[in-house]
């Protein structure tokens, strides 16, 4: 006579809890790297926006100072 192997019933909550615990345990270094990348990307975006704003303001100031392009002098 063969003995049957016992079947373990895993409920949804337990399965989700196990999956979440393995994901968080496997990715602590990775999440720190991702957080650092996000911070660098955010600061880079701030710098780019600031530079673009400064360029636009400079361009408008030059246009207001010199409304028409200067004509070359004839010799």
Protein backbone atom coordinates (compact mmCIF):
# COMPACT_ATOMS: atom_id res chain seq x y z
CA UNK A 1 0.00 0.00 0.00
CA UNK A 2 1.29 3.45 -0.92
CA UNK A 3 1.26 6.32 1.52
CA UNK A 4 0.10 9.61 0.15
CA UNK A 5 2.18 12.70 0.68
CA UNK A 6 0.42 15.32 2.73
CA UNK A 7 -0.81 18.40 0.91
CA UNK A 8 -0.16 21.73 2.54
CA UNK A 9 -2.88 24.31 2.01
CA UNK A 10 -1.51 27.83 1.65
CA UNK A 11 -4.10 30.53 2.00
CA UNK A 12 -3.96 33.72 -0.04
CA UNK A 13 -2.97 35.98 2.82
CA UNK A 14 -0.13 33.71 3.81
CA UNK A 15 1.06 33.41 0.19
CA UNK A 16 0.97 37.18 -0.29
CA UNK A 17 2.80 37.69 2.98
CA UNK A 18 5.49 35.19 1.96
CA UNK A 19 5.90 36.77 -1.48
CA UNK A 20 6.16 40.27 -0.02
CA UNK A 21 8.71 39.22 2.58
CA UNK A 22 10.93 37.55 -0.03
CA UNK A 23 10.72 40.57 -2.34
CA UNK A 24 11.68 43.03 0.39
CA UNK A 25 14.47 40.79 1.67
CA UNK A 26 15.93 40.28 -1.81
CA UNK A 27 15.91 43.95 -2.89
CA UNK A 28 17.22 46.19 -0.07
CA UNK A 29 20.43 47.10 -1.93
CA UNK A 30 18.60 47.48 -5.20
CA UNK A 31 15.98 49.77 -3.73
CA UNK A 32 18.71 51.96 -2.24
CA UNK A 33 20.30 52.23 -5.67
CA UNK A 34 16.96 53.05 -7.24
CA UNK A 35 16.32 55.71 -4.61
CA UNK A 36 19.72 57.24 -5.31
CA UNK A 37 19.02 57.20 -9.05
CA UNK A 38 15.67 58.89 -8.47
CA UNK A 39 17.32 61.62 -6.39
CA UNK A 40 20.01 62.20 -9.02
CA UNK A 41 17.39 62.34 -11.77
CA UNK A 42 15.30 64.83 -9.78
CA UNK A 43 18.24 67.13 -9.10
CA UNK A 44 19.35 66.88 -12.74
CA UNK A 45 15.86 67.89 -13.84
CA UNK A 46 15.94 70.87 -11.46
CA UNK A 47 19.30 72.00 -12.86
CA UNK A 48 18.09 71.61 -16.45
CA UNK A 49 14.91 73.57 -15.73
CA UNK A 50 16.90 76.33 -14.02
CA UNK A 51 19.33 76.58 -16.94
CA UNK A 52 16.49 76.63 -19.48
CA UNK A 53 14.71 79.37 -17.52
CA UNK A 54 17.91 81.40 -17.31
CA UNK A 55 18.50 81.03 -21.07
CA UNK A 56 14.95 82.15 -21.82
CA UNK A 57 15.25 85.18 -19.55
CA UNK A 58 18.61 86.13 -21.08
CA UNK A 59 17.19 85.78 -24.58
CA UNK A 60 14.24 88.03 -23.70
CA UNK A 61 16.55 90.62 -22.13
CA UNK A 62 18.74 90.74 -25.24
CA UNK A 63 15.67 91.10 -27.46
CA UNK A 64 14.41 93.99 -25.34
CA UNK A 65 17.80 95.74 -25.45
CA UNK A 66 18.29 95.22 -29.18
CA UNK A 67 14.87 95.17 -30.83
CA UNK A 68 16.28 94.95 -34.38
CA UNK A 69 19.34 93.04 -35.46
CA UNK A 70 22.30 95.38 -35.98
CA UNK A 71 23.08 96.29 -39.57
CA UNK A 72 26.61 95.70 -40.80
CA UNK A 73 28.48 98.93 -41.47
CA UNK A 74 29.41 99.70 -45.04
CA UNK A 75 32.90 100.79 -45.84
